Amino acid sequence: MRRMKLLRPSTPLARSYGDKFETTFGQSESAIRLLCEKFPDNRTYESVLLKSIVINTLYATQIRAIIPVAQHIVGLEIDDRLRQGDPTLVDDIALLTVKGKTRRNYSFATKYCSFHNPSAYPIYDGFVDRLLNEYQKVGRFSSLPLGDLRDYRRFKEVLARIIHELRICSLSLR
């Protein structure tokens, strides 16, 4: 795998990447936020299916069996846990058995939760994982190992530590 060219992490750099992301994906993000505002609860299959399809499509999370995912989310009765920011909810949404095969839709689950409560649920994806690990290799964060970023509690701990160590507390987890 080719090494990434890394710039020194800072608040201005994070803001500039946020601006670039907003320019590229801002309308898609707005569409998902609007849908979540229009259908804030997760009790009806139709509203959960709509949100799941849009997040899956716009974020290319590559879930083929989206109908069972929506049924699964409805069955979990997640609204209180979402409001509370319960980190265990991510794995509860992510883990699903379809036709005898267990899948872990981790990235999708972080995105689904984040669009409902962005201050409590940072988004994980493969790019974030790779970027954090590359920065860690060149000693830009901490001497402590990152650990398994696919453990959501650990992922949130790592992000909080990085934000603190880099003194970029003015930025959101988003």
N, C-alpha and C. Protein backbone atom coordinates (compact mmCIF):
# COMPACT_ATOMS: atom_id res chain seq x y z
N MET A 1 0.84 -1.18 0.00
CA MET A 1 0.00 0.00 0.00
C MET A 1 0.89 1.24 0.00
N ARG A 2 0.54 2.20 -0.82
CA ARG A 2 1.30 3.44 -0.95
C ARG A 2 1.11 4.32 0.27
N ARG A 3 2.18 4.97 0.69
CA ARG A 3 2.12 5.87 1.82
C ARG A 3 1.41 7.17 1.45
N MET A 4 0.61 7.67 2.36
CA MET A 4 -0.11 8.92 2.12
C MET A 4 0.81 10.10 2.42
N LYS A 5 0.63 11.19 1.70
CA LYS A 5 1.36 12.42 2.02
C LYS A 5 0.56 13.11 3.12
N LEU A 6 1.18 13.26 4.27
CA LEU A 6 0.48 13.80 5.43
C LEU A 6 0.92 15.21 5.75
N LEU A 7 -0.04 16.06 6.01
CA LEU A 7 0.24 17.41 6.45
C LEU A 7 0.14 17.45 7.97
N ARG A 8 0.78 18.41 8.58
CA ARG A 8 0.75 18.52 10.04
C ARG A 8 -0.68 18.81 10.49
N PRO A 9 -1.22 17.96 11.39
CA PRO A 9 -2.59 18.17 11.84
C PRO A 9 -2.73 19.46 12.64
N SER A 10 -3.79 20.20 12.36
CA SER A 10 -4.04 21.46 13.05
C SER A 10 -5.51 21.83 12.86
N THR A 11 -5.95 22.80 13.62
CA THR A 11 -7.33 23.27 13.47
C THR A 11 -7.56 23.84 12.06
N PRO A 12 -6.66 24.71 11.53
CA PRO A 12 -6.89 25.21 10.17
C PRO A 12 -6.92 24.10 9.12
N LEU A 13 -6.07 23.07 9.26
CA LEU A 13 -6.08 21.97 8.30
C LEU A 13 -7.41 21.22 8.38
N ALA A 14 -7.87 20.94 9.60
CA ALA A 14 -9.14 20.23 9.77
C ALA A 14 -10.29 21.06 9.19
N ARG A 15 -10.27 22.36 9.43
CA ARG A 15 -11.31 23.22 8.86
C ARG A 15 -11.27 23.22 7.33
N SER A 16 -10.07 23.24 6.77
CA SER A 16 -9.97 23.27 5.30
C SER A 16 -10.49 21.96 4.71
N TYR A 17 -10.19 20.83 5.36
CA TYR A 17 -10.74 19.56 4.89
C TYR A 17 -12.25 19.52 5.07
N GLY A 18 -12.73 20.10 6.15
CA GLY A 18 -14.18 20.19 6.36
C GLY A 18 -14.84 21.00 5.26
N ASP A 19 -14.20 22.11 4.89
CA ASP A 19 -14.73 22.95 3.81
C ASP A 19 -14.74 22.20 2.47
N LYS A 20 -13.66 21.46 2.20
CA LYS A 20 -13.60 20.68 0.95
C LYS A 20 -14.67 19.61 0.94
N PHE A 21 -14.86 18.95 2.09
CA PHE A 21 -15.90 17.92 2.19
C PHE A 21 -17.27 18.54 1.94
N GLU A 22 -17.51 19.70 2.54
CA GLU A 22 -18.80 20.38 2.39
C GLU A 22 -19.04 20.78 0.93
N THR A 23 -18.00 21.25 0.26
CA THR A 23 -18.13 21.62 -1.15
C THR A 23 -18.47 20.40 -2.01
N THR A 24 -17.84 19.28 -1.71
CA THR A 24 -18.04 18.07 -2.51
C THR A 24 -19.32 17.33 -2.15
N PHE A 25 -19.59 17.19 -0.85
CA PHE A 25 -20.68 16.33 -0.40
C PHE A 25 -21.78 17.09 0.34
N GLY A 26 -21.69 18.39 0.40
CA GLY A 26 -22.63 19.18 1.19
C GLY A 26 -24.09 18.97 0.84
N GLN A 27 -24.40 18.90 -0.44
CA GLN A 27 -25.80 18.71 -0.84
C GLN A 27 -26.30 17.32 -0.45
N SER A 28 -25.46 16.32 -0.59
CA SER A 28 -25.84 14.97 -0.17
C SER A 28 -26.07 14.92 1.33
N GLU A 29 -25.16 15.53 2.07
CA GLU A 29 -25.29 15.60 3.53
C GLU A 29 -26.59 16.31 3.91
N SER A 30 -26.88 17.41 3.25
CA SER A 30 -28.10 18.17 3.53
C SER A 30 -29.34 17.34 3.26
N ALA A 31 -29.30 16.57 2.19
CA ALA A 31 -30.45 15.73 1.84
C ALA A 31 -30.69 14.68 2.93
N ILE A 32 -29.62 14.07 3.43
CA ILE A 32 -29.77 13.07 4.48
C ILE A 32 -30.27 13.73 5.77
N ARG A 33 -29.69 14.88 6.12
CA ARG A 33 -30.14 15.59 7.33
C ARG A 33 -31.62 15.96 7.22
N LEU A 34 -32.03 16.44 6.06
CA LEU A 34 -33.42 16.81 5.83
C LEU A 34 -34.34 15.60 6.01
N LEU A 35 -33.93 14.47 5.47
CA LEU A 35 -34.71 13.25 5.60
C LEU A 35 -34.82 12.82 7.07
N CYS A 36 -33.73 12.93 7.81
CA CYS A 36 -33.75 12.58 9.24
C CYS A 36 -34.58 13.57 10.05
N GLU A 37 -34.61 14.82 9.63
CA GLU A 37 -35.48 15.80 10.30
C GLU A 37 -36.95 15.52 9.99
N LYS A 38 -37.23 15.14 8.77
CA LYS A 38 -38.60 14.84 8.36
C LYS A 38 -39.12 13.57 9.05
N PHE A 39 -38.23 12.60 9.22
CA PHE A 39 -38.57 11.33 9.87
C PHE A 39 -37.60 11.08 11.03
N PRO A 40 -37.77 11.82 12.13
CA PRO A 40 -36.78 11.73 13.21
C PRO A 40 -36.81 10.41 14.00
N ASP A 41 -37.97 9.77 14.07
CA ASP A 41 -38.00 8.53 14.85
C ASP A 41 -37.69 7.33 13.96
N ASN A 42 -37.51 6.21 14.60
CA ASN A 42 -37.12 5.00 13.90
C ASN A 42 -38.06 3.85 14.24
N ARG A 43 -39.34 4.20 14.34
CA ARG A 43 -40.35 3.20 14.72
C ARG A 43 -41.09 2.63 13.52
N THR A 44 -41.11 3.36 12.42
CA THR A 44 -41.85 2.85 11.26
C THR A 44 -40.88 2.33 10.21
N TYR A 45 -41.23 1.20 9.67
CA TYR A 45 -40.39 0.55 8.67
C TYR A 45 -40.13 1.47 7.48
N GLU A 46 -41.17 2.15 7.00
CA GLU A 46 -41.03 2.98 5.80
C GLU A 46 -40.00 4.10 6.00
N SER A 47 -40.06 4.77 7.15
CA SER A 47 -39.12 5.88 7.37
C SER A 47 -37.69 5.37 7.54
N VAL A 48 -37.53 4.26 8.23
CA VAL A 48 -36.19 3.69 8.41
C VAL A 48 -35.66 3.18 7.07
N LEU A 49 -36.51 2.57 6.28
CA LEU A 49 -36.08 2.09 4.96
C LEU A 49 -35.62 3.26 4.08
N LEU A 50 -36.39 4.33 4.06
CA LEU A 50 -35.99 5.50 3.26
C LEU A 50 -34.63 6.03 3.69
N LYS A 51 -34.44 6.21 4.99
CA LYS A 51 -33.16 6.73 5.49
C LYS A 51 -32.03 5.76 5.19
N SER A 52 -32.28 4.48 5.36
CA SER A 52 -31.25 3.46 5.11
C SER A 52 -30.84 3.44 3.64
N ILE A 53 -31.81 3.50 2.76
CA ILE A 53 -31.51 3.50 1.32
C ILE A 53 -30.67 4.72 0.94
N VAL A 54 -31.07 5.87 1.43
CA VAL A 54 -30.35 7.10 1.07
C VAL A 54 -28.93 7.09 1.63
N ILE A 55 -28.76 6.72 2.88
CA ILE A 55 -27.41 6.68 3.47
C ILE A 55 -26.56 5.64 2.74
N ASN A 56 -27.13 4.47 2.52
CA ASN A 56 -26.40 3.41 1.82
C ASN A 56 -25.98 3.86 0.42
N THR A 57 -26.86 4.54 -0.29
CA THR A 57 -26.57 4.97 -1.66
C THR A 57 -25.57 6.12 -1.69
N LEU A 58 -25.83 7.17 -0.94
CA LEU A 58 -24.98 8.36 -1.01
C LEU A 58 -23.60 8.13 -0.39
N TYR A 59 -23.50 7.23 0.56
CA TYR A 59 -22.21 6.93 1.18
C TYR A 59 -21.58 5.65 0.62
N ALA A 60 -22.23 5.02 -0.33
CA ALA A 60 -21.71 3.81 -0.98
C ALA A 60 -21.24 2.78 0.04
N THR A 61 -22.10 2.48 1.03
CA THR A 61 -21.72 1.50 2.05
C THR A 61 -21.88 0.07 1.57
N GLN A 62 -22.41 -0.11 0.38
CA GLN A 62 -22.45 -1.38 -0.33
C GLN A 62 -23.24 -2.48 0.38
N ILE A 63 -24.33 -2.09 1.04
CA ILE A 63 -25.21 -3.08 1.63
C ILE A 63 -26.21 -3.50 0.55
N ARG A 64 -26.21 -4.77 0.24
CA ARG A 64 -27.13 -5.27 -0.78
C ARG A 64 -28.49 -5.62 -0.20
N ALA A 65 -28.51 -6.09 1.02
CA ALA A 65 -29.76 -6.51 1.67
C ALA A 65 -30.26 -5.40 2.59
N ILE A 66 -30.65 -4.28 2.02
CA ILE A 66 -31.03 -3.11 2.81
C ILE A 66 -32.39 -3.29 3.50
N ILE A 67 -33.27 -4.08 2.93
CA ILE A 67 -34.58 -4.31 3.54
C ILE A 67 -34.44 -5.00 4.90
N PRO A 68 -33.66 -6.09 5.02
CA PRO A 68 -33.47 -6.67 6.34
C PRO A 68 -32.78 -5.72 7.33
N VAL A 69 -31.91 -4.85 6.83
CA VAL A 69 -31.25 -3.86 7.69
C VAL A 69 -32.31 -2.94 8.29
N ALA A 70 -33.21 -2.43 7.46
CA ALA A 70 -34.27 -1.53 7.96
C ALA A 70 -35.17 -2.26 8.95
N GLN A 71 -35.54 -3.48 8.66
CA GLN A 71 -36.37 -4.26 9.58
C GLN A 71 -35.66 -4.46 10.91
N HIS A 72 -34.37 -4.73 10.84
CA HIS A 72 -33.54 -4.92 12.03
C HIS A 72 -33.52 -3.66 12.89
N ILE A 73 -33.33 -2.51 12.26
CA ILE A 73 -33.27 -1.24 13.00
C ILE A 73 -34.60 -0.97 13.69
N VAL A 74 -35.71 -1.17 12.99
CA VAL A 74 -37.02 -0.96 13.59
C VAL A 74 -37.20 -1.88 14.80
N GLY A 75 -36.80 -3.13 14.66
CA GLY A 75 -36.94 -4.09 15.74
C GLY A 75 -36.11 -3.78 16.97
N LEU A 76 -35.05 -3.01 16.80
CA LEU A 76 -34.18 -2.67 17.94
C LEU A 76 -34.77 -1.57 18.83
N GLU A 77 -35.76 -0.83 18.32
CA GLU A 77 -36.35 0.28 19.08
C GLU A 77 -35.25 1.20 19.63
N ILE A 78 -34.60 1.90 18.73
CA ILE A 78 -33.35 2.61 19.03
C ILE A 78 -33.47 4.05 19.48
N ASP A 79 -34.63 4.66 19.42
CA ASP A 79 -34.73 6.11 19.59
C ASP A 79 -34.17 6.63 20.91
N ASP A 80 -34.49 6.02 22.02
CA ASP A 80 -33.95 6.49 23.31
C ASP A 80 -32.44 6.36 23.36
N ARG A 81 -31.94 5.24 22.88
CA ARG A 81 -30.49 5.02 22.89
C ARG A 81 -29.77 6.00 21.98
N LEU A 82 -30.38 6.32 20.84
CA LEU A 82 -29.79 7.32 19.94
C LEU A 82 -29.67 8.67 20.63
N ARG A 83 -30.75 9.09 21.27
CA ARG A 83 -30.74 10.39 21.98
C ARG A 83 -29.69 10.42 23.08
N GLN A 84 -29.52 9.28 23.76
CA GLN A 84 -28.55 9.20 24.86
C GLN A 84 -27.10 9.07 24.36
N GLY A 85 -26.93 8.76 23.08
CA GLY A 85 -25.58 8.59 22.53
C GLY A 85 -24.93 7.28 22.94
N ASP A 86 -25.71 6.26 23.17
CA ASP A 86 -25.21 4.95 23.60
C ASP A 86 -24.29 4.36 22.52
N PRO A 87 -22.99 4.23 22.81
CA PRO A 87 -22.06 3.72 21.80
C PRO A 87 -22.28 2.25 21.45
N THR A 88 -22.90 1.49 22.32
CA THR A 88 -23.15 0.08 22.02
C THR A 88 -24.20 -0.09 20.93
N LEU A 89 -24.95 0.97 20.67
CA LEU A 89 -25.98 0.91 19.64
C LEU A 89 -25.38 0.67 18.25
N VAL A 90 -24.19 1.19 18.02
CA VAL A 90 -23.55 1.02 16.71
C VAL A 90 -23.41 -0.47 16.38
N ASP A 91 -22.88 -1.25 17.30
CA ASP A 91 -22.74 -2.67 17.02
C ASP A 91 -24.08 -3.38 16.97
N ASP A 92 -25.03 -2.93 17.76
CA ASP A 92 -26.35 -3.56 17.70
C ASP A 92 -26.99 -3.36 16.33
N ILE A 93 -26.80 -2.20 15.74
CA ILE A 93 -27.30 -1.96 14.39
C ILE A 93 -26.46 -2.70 13.36
N ALA A 94 -25.15 -2.68 13.55
CA ALA A 94 -24.22 -3.25 12.57
C ALA A 94 -24.36 -4.76 12.40
N LEU A 95 -24.55 -5.47 13.50
CA LEU A 95 -24.58 -6.94 13.44
C LEU A 95 -25.95 -7.44 13.02
N LEU A 96 -25.96 -8.19 11.94
CA LEU A 96 -27.22 -8.68 11.38
C LEU A 96 -26.96 -10.00 10.66
N THR A 97 -27.85 -10.95 10.89
CA THR A 97 -27.75 -12.23 10.19
C THR A 97 -28.83 -12.27 9.11
N VAL A 98 -28.39 -12.49 7.88
CA VAL A 98 -29.29 -12.58 6.73
C VAL A 98 -29.01 -13.91 6.04
N LYS A 99 -30.05 -14.72 5.90
CA LYS A 99 -29.94 -16.03 5.25
C LYS A 99 -28.80 -16.86 5.85
N GLY A 100 -28.72 -16.85 7.17
CA GLY A 100 -27.72 -17.65 7.88
C GLY A 100 -26.32 -17.09 7.88
N LYS A 101 -26.12 -15.94 7.26
CA LYS A 101 -24.79 -15.34 7.20
C LYS A 101 -24.78 -14.04 8.01
N THR A 102 -23.87 -13.97 9.00
CA THR A 102 -23.78 -12.78 9.85
C THR A 102 -22.92 -11.73 9.15
N ARG A 103 -23.46 -10.54 9.12
CA ARG A 103 -22.76 -9.38 8.53
C ARG A 103 -22.57 -8.33 9.60
N ARG A 104 -21.52 -7.53 9.42
CA ARG A 104 -21.28 -6.41 10.33
C ARG A 104 -21.16 -5.16 9.48
N ASN A 105 -22.25 -4.42 9.41
CA ASN A 105 -22.31 -3.19 8.62
C ASN A 105 -21.89 -2.00 9.49
N TYR A 106 -20.65 -2.05 9.95
CA TYR A 106 -20.13 -1.10 10.93
C TYR A 106 -20.13 0.34 10.41
N SER A 107 -19.57 0.55 9.25
CA SER A 107 -19.50 1.90 8.70
C SER A 107 -20.92 2.48 8.51
N PHE A 108 -21.81 1.68 7.96
CA PHE A 108 -23.20 2.12 7.79
C PHE A 108 -23.82 2.48 9.14
N ALA A 109 -23.60 1.65 10.14
CA ALA A 109 -24.21 1.88 11.46
C ALA A 109 -23.71 3.20 12.08
N THR A 110 -22.41 3.51 11.91
CA THR A 110 -21.90 4.77 12.45
C THR A 110 -22.54 5.96 11.73
N LYS A 111 -22.73 5.81 10.44
CA LYS A 111 -23.35 6.89 9.65
C LYS A 111 -24.82 7.06 10.02
N TYR A 112 -25.53 5.96 10.15
CA TYR A 112 -26.95 6.02 10.52
C TYR A 112 -27.12 6.73 11.87
N CYS A 113 -26.31 6.33 12.84
CA CYS A 113 -26.38 6.96 14.16
C CYS A 113 -25.96 8.43 14.09
N SER A 114 -24.90 8.72 13.35
CA SER A 114 -24.39 10.08 13.27
C SER A 114 -25.41 11.06 12.70
N PHE A 115 -26.16 10.63 11.70
CA PHE A 115 -27.15 11.54 11.12
C PHE A 115 -28.30 11.82 12.07
N HIS A 116 -28.48 10.98 13.07
CA HIS A 116 -29.53 11.21 14.07
C HIS A 116 -29.00 11.97 15.29
N ASN A 117 -27.70 11.84 15.59
CA ASN A 117 -27.11 12.50 16.74
C ASN A 117 -25.62 12.73 16.46
N PRO A 118 -25.31 13.74 15.64
CA PRO A 118 -23.93 13.93 15.19
C PRO A 118 -22.93 14.26 16.30
N SER A 119 -23.37 14.87 17.38
CA SER A 119 -22.42 15.20 18.44
C SER A 119 -22.00 13.98 19.25
N ALA A 120 -22.77 12.90 19.18
CA ALA A 120 -22.45 11.71 19.96
C ALA A 120 -21.85 10.58 19.13
N TYR A 121 -22.02 10.64 17.82
CA TYR A 121 -21.61 9.53 16.96
C TYR A 121 -20.72 9.99 15.81
N PRO A 122 -19.40 9.92 15.99
CA PRO A 122 -18.53 10.21 14.84
C PRO A 122 -18.64 9.09 13.81
N ILE A 123 -18.38 9.44 12.57
CA ILE A 123 -18.48 8.48 11.47
C ILE A 123 -17.15 7.77 11.27
N TYR A 124 -17.24 6.46 11.19
CA TYR A 124 -16.09 5.62 10.86
C TYR A 124 -16.23 5.17 9.41
N ASP A 125 -15.12 5.16 8.70
CA ASP A 125 -15.05 4.47 7.41
C ASP A 125 -13.60 4.08 7.17
N GLY A 126 -13.37 3.34 6.13
CA GLY A 126 -12.04 2.85 5.85
C GLY A 126 -11.02 3.95 5.65
N PHE A 127 -11.42 5.05 5.06
CA PHE A 127 -10.50 6.16 4.85
C PHE A 127 -10.05 6.76 6.18
N VAL A 128 -11.00 6.93 7.10
CA VAL A 128 -10.67 7.48 8.43
C VAL A 128 -9.69 6.54 9.13
N ASP A 129 -9.95 5.26 9.08
CA ASP A 129 -9.09 4.26 9.70
C ASP A 129 -7.67 4.36 9.14
N ARG A 130 -7.58 4.38 7.82
CA ARG A 130 -6.27 4.43 7.17
C ARG A 130 -5.53 5.73 7.52
N LEU A 131 -6.24 6.84 7.49
CA LEU A 131 -5.62 8.13 7.79
C LEU A 131 -5.10 8.17 9.23
N LEU A 132 -5.90 7.74 10.18
CA LEU A 132 -5.46 7.74 11.58
C LEU A 132 -4.25 6.82 11.77
N ASN A 133 -4.27 5.67 11.13
CA ASN A 133 -3.13 4.75 11.26
C ASN A 133 -1.88 5.31 10.61
N GLU A 134 -2.02 5.98 9.47
CA GLU A 134 -0.86 6.59 8.82
C GLU A 134 -0.26 7.69 9.70
N TYR A 135 -1.11 8.53 10.26
CA TYR A 135 -0.61 9.57 11.16
C TYR A 135 0.07 8.95 12.38
N GLN A 136 -0.49 7.87 12.89
CA GLN A 136 0.10 7.21 14.05
C GLN A 136 1.49 6.67 13.73
N LYS A 137 1.67 6.13 12.52
CA LYS A 137 2.96 5.56 12.12
C LYS A 137 4.07 6.61 12.11
N VAL A 138 3.72 7.84 11.76
CA VAL A 138 4.74 8.89 11.71
C VAL A 138 4.78 9.70 13.01
N GLY A 139 4.11 9.19 14.04
CA GLY A 139 4.19 9.80 15.36
C GLY A 139 3.50 11.13 15.50
N ARG A 140 2.46 11.36 14.74
CA ARG A 140 1.79 12.66 14.79
C ARG A 140 0.78 12.77 15.94
N PHE A 141 0.40 11.65 16.53
CA PHE A 141 -0.61 11.72 17.58
C PHE A 141 -0.02 11.43 18.94
N SER A 142 0.13 10.19 19.23
CA SER A 142 0.49 9.78 20.56
C SER A 142 1.34 8.53 20.48
N SER A 143 2.11 8.29 21.54
CA SER A 143 2.89 7.06 21.57
C SER A 143 2.01 5.87 21.90
N LEU A 144 0.80 6.11 22.37
CA LEU A 144 -0.13 5.03 22.67
C LEU A 144 -0.68 4.43 21.38
N PRO A 145 -0.81 3.10 21.32
CA PRO A 145 -1.37 2.50 20.10
C PRO A 145 -2.83 2.87 19.91
N LEU A 146 -3.26 2.93 18.64
CA LEU A 146 -4.65 3.25 18.36
C LEU A 146 -5.58 2.12 18.76
N GLY A 147 -5.14 0.91 18.59
CA GLY A 147 -6.00 -0.23 18.87
C GLY A 147 -6.95 -0.48 17.71
N ASP A 148 -7.98 -1.26 17.98
CA ASP A 148 -8.94 -1.63 16.96
C ASP A 148 -9.98 -0.53 16.80
N LEU A 149 -9.91 0.21 15.71
CA LEU A 149 -10.84 1.31 15.48
C LEU A 149 -12.22 0.81 15.06
N ARG A 150 -12.33 -0.49 14.83
CA ARG A 150 -13.64 -1.06 14.53
C ARG A 150 -14.36 -1.48 15.82
N ASP A 151 -13.76 -1.14 16.94
CA ASP A 151 -14.42 -1.21 18.25
C ASP A 151 -14.88 0.23 18.49
N TYR A 152 -16.19 0.46 18.46
CA TYR A 152 -16.69 1.84 18.43
C TYR A 152 -16.29 2.64 19.67
N ARG A 153 -16.33 2.04 20.83
CA ARG A 153 -15.90 2.76 22.04
C ARG A 153 -14.44 3.19 21.90
N ARG A 154 -13.61 2.28 21.39
CA ARG A 154 -12.19 2.60 21.19
C ARG A 154 -12.04 3.71 20.15
N PHE A 155 -12.77 3.63 19.08
CA PHE A 155 -12.73 4.66 18.05
C PHE A 155 -13.04 6.04 18.64
N LYS A 156 -14.09 6.12 19.44
CA LYS A 156 -14.45 7.41 20.07
C LYS A 156 -13.38 7.87 21.04
N GLU A 157 -12.78 6.95 21.80
CA GLU A 157 -11.70 7.30 22.73
C GLU A 157 -10.51 7.87 21.97
N VAL A 158 -10.14 7.23 20.88
CA VAL A 158 -9.01 7.67 20.07
C VAL A 158 -9.27 9.07 19.52
N LEU A 159 -10.46 9.29 18.97
CA LEU A 159 -10.78 10.62 18.45
C LEU A 159 -10.73 11.68 19.55
N ALA A 160 -11.28 11.37 20.70
CA ALA A 160 -11.26 12.33 21.82
C ALA A 160 -9.82 12.64 22.24
N ARG A 161 -8.98 11.61 22.30
CA ARG A 161 -7.57 11.82 22.68
C ARG A 161 -6.85 12.67 21.65
N ILE A 162 -7.09 12.40 20.37
CA ILE A 162 -6.45 13.17 19.30
C ILE A 162 -6.89 14.63 19.36
N ILE A 163 -8.17 14.85 19.50
CA ILE A 163 -8.69 16.22 19.60
C ILE A 163 -8.05 16.95 20.77
N HIS A 164 -7.92 16.28 21.89
CA HIS A 164 -7.31 16.89 23.08
C HIS A 164 -5.82 17.16 22.85
N GLU A 165 -5.09 16.16 22.36
CA GLU A 165 -3.65 16.31 22.18
C GLU A 165 -3.29 17.34 21.13
N LEU A 166 -4.10 17.46 20.11
CA LEU A 166 -3.81 18.45 19.06
C LEU A 166 -4.42 19.81 19.37
N ARG A 167 -5.14 19.87 20.48
CA ARG A 167 -5.78 21.12 20.92
C ARG A 167 -6.71 21.69 19.83
N ILE A 168 -7.52 20.79 19.28
CA ILE A 168 -8.49 21.23 18.26
C ILE A 168 -9.91 21.05 18.81
N CYS A 169 -10.08 21.35 20.08
CA CYS A 169 -11.35 21.14 20.78
C CYS A 169 -12.48 21.98 20.22
N SER A 170 -12.14 23.02 19.47
CA SER A 170 -13.20 23.87 18.91
C SER A 170 -13.96 23.17 17.77
N LEU A 171 -13.45 22.03 17.32
CA LEU A 171 -14.08 21.31 16.23
C LEU A 171 -14.98 20.20 16.77
N SER A 172 -16.00 19.89 16.03
CA SER A 172 -16.90 18.79 16.43
C SER A 172 -16.31 17.46 15.99
N LEU A 173 -16.88 16.39 16.49
CA LEU A 173 -16.46 15.06 16.05
C LEU A 173 -16.80 14.86 14.57
N ARG A 174 -17.79 15.54 14.11
CA ARG A 174 -18.20 15.45 12.71
C ARG A 174 -17.07 15.94 11.84
